[in-house]
Amino acid sequence: MKTFKEFGIKPTKQGFTGDKIKISKILNKEINVLDFKIESSQFKGKCLHMQIECGERKFVVFTGSTGLIDMIQRVPSDGLPFSTTIVEENERFEFT
């Protein structure tokens, strides 16, 4: 019988690394967005998952912010990674 290892199958997408951090902890701080994905939320709507770097550490941020989801979907395919600051404007989060 063959072992799974003999098939040579590798994961197609790596998971994000780092501790989960609340968006409130990185508001108004310069961050680097390294990667992102948008998935269906377990609550309602969509959920943005971002792999970020703040200082020398990597973190994972989850948010249902429709403003951030809309803005990040318009980043060109060759636009990652990018540097930004997330601010709260009129009770909505935005990239600056």
N, C-alpha and C. Protein backbone atom coordinates (compact mmCIF):
# COMPACT_ATOMS: atom_id res chain seq x y z
N MET A 1 0.84 -1.17 0.00
CA MET A 1 0.00 0.00 0.00
C MET A 1 0.89 1.24 0.00
N LYS A 2 0.49 2.25 -0.78
CA LYS A 2 1.25 3.50 -0.86
C LYS A 2 0.98 4.36 0.37
N THR A 3 1.95 5.22 0.64
CA THR A 3 1.75 6.22 1.70
C THR A 3 1.39 7.53 1.02
N PHE A 4 0.74 8.40 1.74
CA PHE A 4 0.35 9.69 1.18
C PHE A 4 1.58 10.48 0.73
N LYS A 5 2.66 10.35 1.45
CA LYS A 5 3.90 11.07 1.13
C LYS A 5 4.38 10.72 -0.28
N GLU A 6 4.15 9.49 -0.72
CA GLU A 6 4.60 9.06 -2.05
C GLU A 6 3.88 9.80 -3.18
N PHE A 7 2.71 10.37 -2.92
CA PHE A 7 1.99 11.11 -3.96
C PHE A 7 2.64 12.45 -4.25
N GLY A 8 3.44 12.97 -3.33
CA GLY A 8 4.12 14.24 -3.54
C GLY A 8 3.18 15.45 -3.57
N ILE A 9 2.05 15.33 -2.92
CA ILE A 9 1.06 16.43 -2.92
C ILE A 9 1.45 17.44 -1.85
N LYS A 10 1.54 18.69 -2.26
CA LYS A 10 1.87 19.78 -1.35
C LYS A 10 0.68 20.73 -1.26
N PRO A 11 0.54 21.46 -0.16
CA PRO A 11 -0.55 22.42 -0.05
C PRO A 11 -0.44 23.48 -1.14
N THR A 12 -1.57 23.88 -1.70
CA THR A 12 -1.55 24.89 -2.76
C THR A 12 -1.49 26.30 -2.19
N LYS A 13 -1.96 26.50 -0.98
CA LYS A 13 -1.96 27.82 -0.37
C LYS A 13 -1.51 27.69 1.07
N GLN A 14 -0.54 28.49 1.44
CA GLN A 14 -0.06 28.48 2.81
C GLN A 14 -0.99 29.33 3.68
N GLY A 15 -1.15 28.95 4.91
CA GLY A 15 -1.95 29.73 5.85
C GLY A 15 -1.17 30.95 6.29
N PHE A 16 -1.86 31.88 6.91
CA PHE A 16 -1.21 33.07 7.42
C PHE A 16 -0.52 32.74 8.74
N THR A 17 0.57 33.45 9.02
CA THR A 17 1.33 33.20 10.23
C THR A 17 1.26 34.41 11.16
N GLY A 18 1.45 34.16 12.43
CA GLY A 18 1.46 35.23 13.42
C GLY A 18 0.24 35.17 14.30
N ASP A 19 0.30 35.96 15.34
CA ASP A 19 -0.81 36.03 16.30
C ASP A 19 -1.96 36.83 15.71
N LYS A 20 -3.16 36.50 16.12
CA LYS A 20 -4.33 37.28 15.75
C LYS A 20 -4.27 38.59 16.53
N ILE A 21 -4.59 39.70 15.85
CA ILE A 21 -4.59 41.00 16.51
C ILE A 21 -5.88 41.72 16.15
N LYS A 22 -6.44 42.43 17.12
CA LYS A 22 -7.65 43.20 16.87
C LYS A 22 -7.30 44.43 16.04
N ILE A 23 -8.21 44.80 15.17
CA ILE A 23 -7.97 45.96 14.31
C ILE A 23 -7.79 47.22 15.14
N SER A 24 -8.43 47.29 16.29
CA SER A 24 -8.30 48.48 17.15
C SER A 24 -6.86 48.67 17.64
N LYS A 25 -6.08 47.59 17.71
CA LYS A 25 -4.69 47.67 18.17
C LYS A 25 -3.75 48.23 17.12
N ILE A 26 -4.18 48.24 15.85
CA ILE A 26 -3.30 48.73 14.78
C ILE A 26 -3.83 50.00 14.12
N LEU A 27 -4.95 50.53 14.63
CA LEU A 27 -5.48 51.77 14.07
C LEU A 27 -4.45 52.88 14.18
N ASN A 28 -4.34 53.67 13.11
CA ASN A 28 -3.45 54.83 13.06
C ASN A 28 -1.97 54.47 13.17
N LYS A 29 -1.61 53.21 12.91
CA LYS A 29 -0.21 52.78 12.89
C LYS A 29 0.13 52.32 11.48
N GLU A 30 1.34 52.59 11.05
CA GLU A 30 1.75 52.14 9.73
C GLU A 30 1.96 50.63 9.75
N ILE A 31 1.35 49.95 8.78
CA ILE A 31 1.47 48.50 8.65
C ILE A 31 1.81 48.16 7.20
N ASN A 32 2.31 46.97 7.00
CA ASN A 32 2.50 46.42 5.67
C ASN A 32 1.50 45.29 5.49
N VAL A 33 0.70 45.37 4.44
CA VAL A 33 -0.23 44.29 4.12
C VAL A 33 0.50 43.35 3.17
N LEU A 34 0.75 42.13 3.63
CA LEU A 34 1.53 41.17 2.87
C LEU A 34 0.66 40.30 1.97
N ASP A 35 -0.54 39.96 2.44
CA ASP A 35 -1.44 39.09 1.68
C ASP A 35 -2.83 39.23 2.28
N PHE A 36 -3.84 38.81 1.53
CA PHE A 36 -5.20 38.85 2.06
C PHE A 36 -6.05 37.83 1.32
N LYS A 37 -7.17 37.50 1.94
CA LYS A 37 -8.20 36.70 1.29
C LYS A 37 -9.54 37.12 1.86
N ILE A 38 -10.58 36.94 1.07
CA ILE A 38 -11.93 37.30 1.47
C ILE A 38 -12.76 36.04 1.41
N GLU A 39 -13.41 35.73 2.52
CA GLU A 39 -14.23 34.52 2.61
C GLU A 39 -15.60 34.87 3.17
N SER A 40 -16.51 33.95 3.06
CA SER A 40 -17.83 34.14 3.67
C SER A 40 -17.66 34.16 5.17
N SER A 41 -18.35 35.06 5.82
CA SER A 41 -18.29 35.18 7.27
C SER A 41 -19.18 34.14 7.92
N GLN A 42 -18.80 33.69 9.10
CA GLN A 42 -19.65 32.75 9.82
C GLN A 42 -20.86 33.46 10.41
N PHE A 43 -20.83 34.79 10.44
CA PHE A 43 -21.95 35.56 10.99
C PHE A 43 -22.86 36.03 9.86
N LYS A 44 -22.39 36.96 9.03
CA LYS A 44 -23.13 37.39 7.84
C LYS A 44 -22.19 38.17 6.95
N GLY A 45 -22.44 38.17 5.67
CA GLY A 45 -21.60 38.90 4.74
C GLY A 45 -20.26 38.24 4.51
N LYS A 46 -19.23 39.08 4.35
CA LYS A 46 -17.89 38.59 4.05
C LYS A 46 -16.93 38.96 5.17
N CYS A 47 -15.81 38.25 5.19
CA CYS A 47 -14.77 38.49 6.19
C CYS A 47 -13.43 38.64 5.47
N LEU A 48 -12.72 39.72 5.78
CA LEU A 48 -11.40 39.97 5.22
C LEU A 48 -10.36 39.41 6.18
N HIS A 49 -9.48 38.57 5.66
CA HIS A 49 -8.36 38.02 6.43
C HIS A 49 -7.11 38.68 5.85
N MET A 50 -6.33 39.36 6.68
CA MET A 50 -5.11 40.01 6.21
C MET A 50 -3.90 39.50 6.96
N GLN A 51 -2.84 39.21 6.21
CA GLN A 51 -1.54 38.93 6.80
C GLN A 51 -0.81 40.26 6.79
N ILE A 52 -0.49 40.77 7.97
CA ILE A 52 0.16 42.07 8.05
C ILE A 52 1.47 41.97 8.81
N GLU A 53 2.24 43.04 8.66
CA GLU A 53 3.47 43.18 9.41
C GLU A 53 3.41 44.55 10.08
N CYS A 54 3.63 44.57 11.37
CA CYS A 54 3.64 45.81 12.14
C CYS A 54 4.93 45.81 12.92
N GLY A 55 5.81 46.74 12.60
CA GLY A 55 7.16 46.68 13.17
C GLY A 55 7.88 45.49 12.54
N GLU A 56 8.41 44.64 13.36
CA GLU A 56 9.12 43.45 12.87
C GLU A 56 8.28 42.18 13.02
N ARG A 57 7.03 42.32 13.49
CA ARG A 57 6.21 41.13 13.77
C ARG A 57 5.10 40.97 12.77
N LYS A 58 4.76 39.71 12.50
CA LYS A 58 3.64 39.39 11.61
C LYS A 58 2.40 39.08 12.45
N PHE A 59 1.27 39.54 11.93
CA PHE A 59 -0.01 39.32 12.60
C PHE A 59 -1.06 38.93 11.55
N VAL A 60 -2.17 38.41 12.05
CA VAL A 60 -3.33 38.12 11.22
C VAL A 60 -4.48 38.97 11.74
N VAL A 61 -5.17 39.66 10.82
CA VAL A 61 -6.29 40.52 11.18
C VAL A 61 -7.54 40.00 10.46
N PHE A 62 -8.64 39.92 11.18
CA PHE A 62 -9.92 39.54 10.61
C PHE A 62 -10.88 40.71 10.79
N THR A 63 -11.61 41.06 9.74
CA THR A 63 -12.59 42.13 9.85
C THR A 63 -13.72 41.93 8.84
N GLY A 64 -14.89 42.35 9.23
CA GLY A 64 -16.03 42.33 8.32
C GLY A 64 -16.29 43.71 7.73
N SER A 65 -15.36 44.63 7.88
CA SER A 65 -15.51 46.00 7.40
C SER A 65 -15.74 46.03 5.89
N THR A 66 -16.92 46.47 5.48
CA THR A 66 -17.23 46.52 4.04
C THR A 66 -16.37 47.56 3.34
N GLY A 67 -16.00 48.62 4.05
CA GLY A 67 -15.13 49.64 3.46
C GLY A 67 -13.76 49.08 3.11
N LEU A 68 -13.15 48.36 4.07
CA LEU A 68 -11.83 47.77 3.81
C LEU A 68 -11.91 46.69 2.74
N ILE A 69 -12.97 45.89 2.78
CA ILE A 69 -13.13 44.83 1.78
C ILE A 69 -13.23 45.43 0.38
N ASP A 70 -14.05 46.48 0.25
CA ASP A 70 -14.20 47.14 -1.04
C ASP A 70 -12.88 47.72 -1.53
N MET A 71 -12.16 48.41 -0.65
CA MET A 71 -10.91 49.05 -1.05
C MET A 71 -9.83 48.04 -1.42
N ILE A 72 -9.69 46.97 -0.64
CA ILE A 72 -8.60 46.03 -0.90
C ILE A 72 -8.86 45.21 -2.16
N GLN A 73 -10.14 45.03 -2.53
CA GLN A 73 -10.45 44.31 -3.77
C GLN A 73 -10.00 45.10 -5.00
N ARG A 74 -9.81 46.39 -4.86
CA ARG A 74 -9.39 47.22 -5.99
C ARG A 74 -7.87 47.37 -6.10
N VAL A 75 -7.12 46.74 -5.18
CA VAL A 75 -5.66 46.74 -5.27
C VAL A 75 -5.26 45.90 -6.48
N PRO A 76 -4.40 46.43 -7.36
CA PRO A 76 -3.98 45.65 -8.53
C PRO A 76 -3.30 44.34 -8.12
N SER A 77 -3.37 43.34 -8.98
CA SER A 77 -2.83 42.02 -8.66
C SER A 77 -1.34 42.06 -8.33
N ASP A 78 -0.61 43.04 -8.89
CA ASP A 78 0.82 43.15 -8.59
C ASP A 78 1.08 44.18 -7.48
N GLY A 79 0.03 44.57 -6.74
CA GLY A 79 0.15 45.61 -5.73
C GLY A 79 0.58 45.17 -4.35
N LEU A 80 0.68 43.87 -4.13
CA LEU A 80 1.10 43.36 -2.82
C LEU A 80 2.59 43.13 -2.77
N PRO A 81 3.23 43.34 -1.67
CA PRO A 81 2.74 43.95 -0.44
C PRO A 81 2.64 45.46 -0.60
N PHE A 82 1.87 46.10 0.29
CA PHE A 82 1.79 47.56 0.30
C PHE A 82 1.77 48.07 1.73
N SER A 83 2.17 49.31 1.87
CA SER A 83 2.23 49.96 3.17
C SER A 83 1.00 50.86 3.30
N THR A 84 0.41 50.90 4.49
CA THR A 84 -0.79 51.69 4.70
C THR A 84 -1.00 51.96 6.18
N THR A 85 -1.98 52.78 6.46
CA THR A 85 -2.46 53.02 7.82
C THR A 85 -3.97 52.86 7.77
N ILE A 86 -4.53 52.14 8.72
CA ILE A 86 -5.98 52.01 8.80
C ILE A 86 -6.48 53.06 9.78
N VAL A 87 -7.44 53.87 9.31
CA VAL A 87 -8.02 54.91 10.15
C VAL A 87 -9.52 54.70 10.24
N GLU A 88 -10.12 55.27 11.27
CA GLU A 88 -11.56 55.22 11.41
C GLU A 88 -12.10 56.58 11.02
N GLU A 89 -12.91 56.61 9.97
CA GLU A 89 -13.46 57.84 9.43
C GLU A 89 -14.98 57.70 9.37
N ASN A 90 -15.70 58.55 10.11
CA ASN A 90 -17.16 58.48 10.14
C ASN A 90 -17.66 57.08 10.49
N GLU A 91 -17.05 56.48 11.52
CA GLU A 91 -17.41 55.15 12.02
C GLU A 91 -17.19 54.04 11.00
N ARG A 92 -16.31 54.27 10.03
CA ARG A 92 -15.93 53.26 9.03
C ARG A 92 -14.41 53.19 8.97
N PHE A 93 -13.90 52.00 8.75
CA PHE A 93 -12.45 51.84 8.59
C PHE A 93 -12.07 52.10 7.13
N GLU A 94 -10.90 52.77 6.95
CA GLU A 94 -10.38 53.04 5.61
C GLU A 94 -8.87 52.88 5.60
N PHE A 95 -8.35 52.47 4.45
CA PHE A 95 -6.90 52.48 4.23
C PHE A 95 -6.51 53.89 3.81
N THR A 96 -5.35 54.36 4.24
CA THR A 96 -4.88 55.67 3.78
C THR A 96 -3.62 55.50 2.96
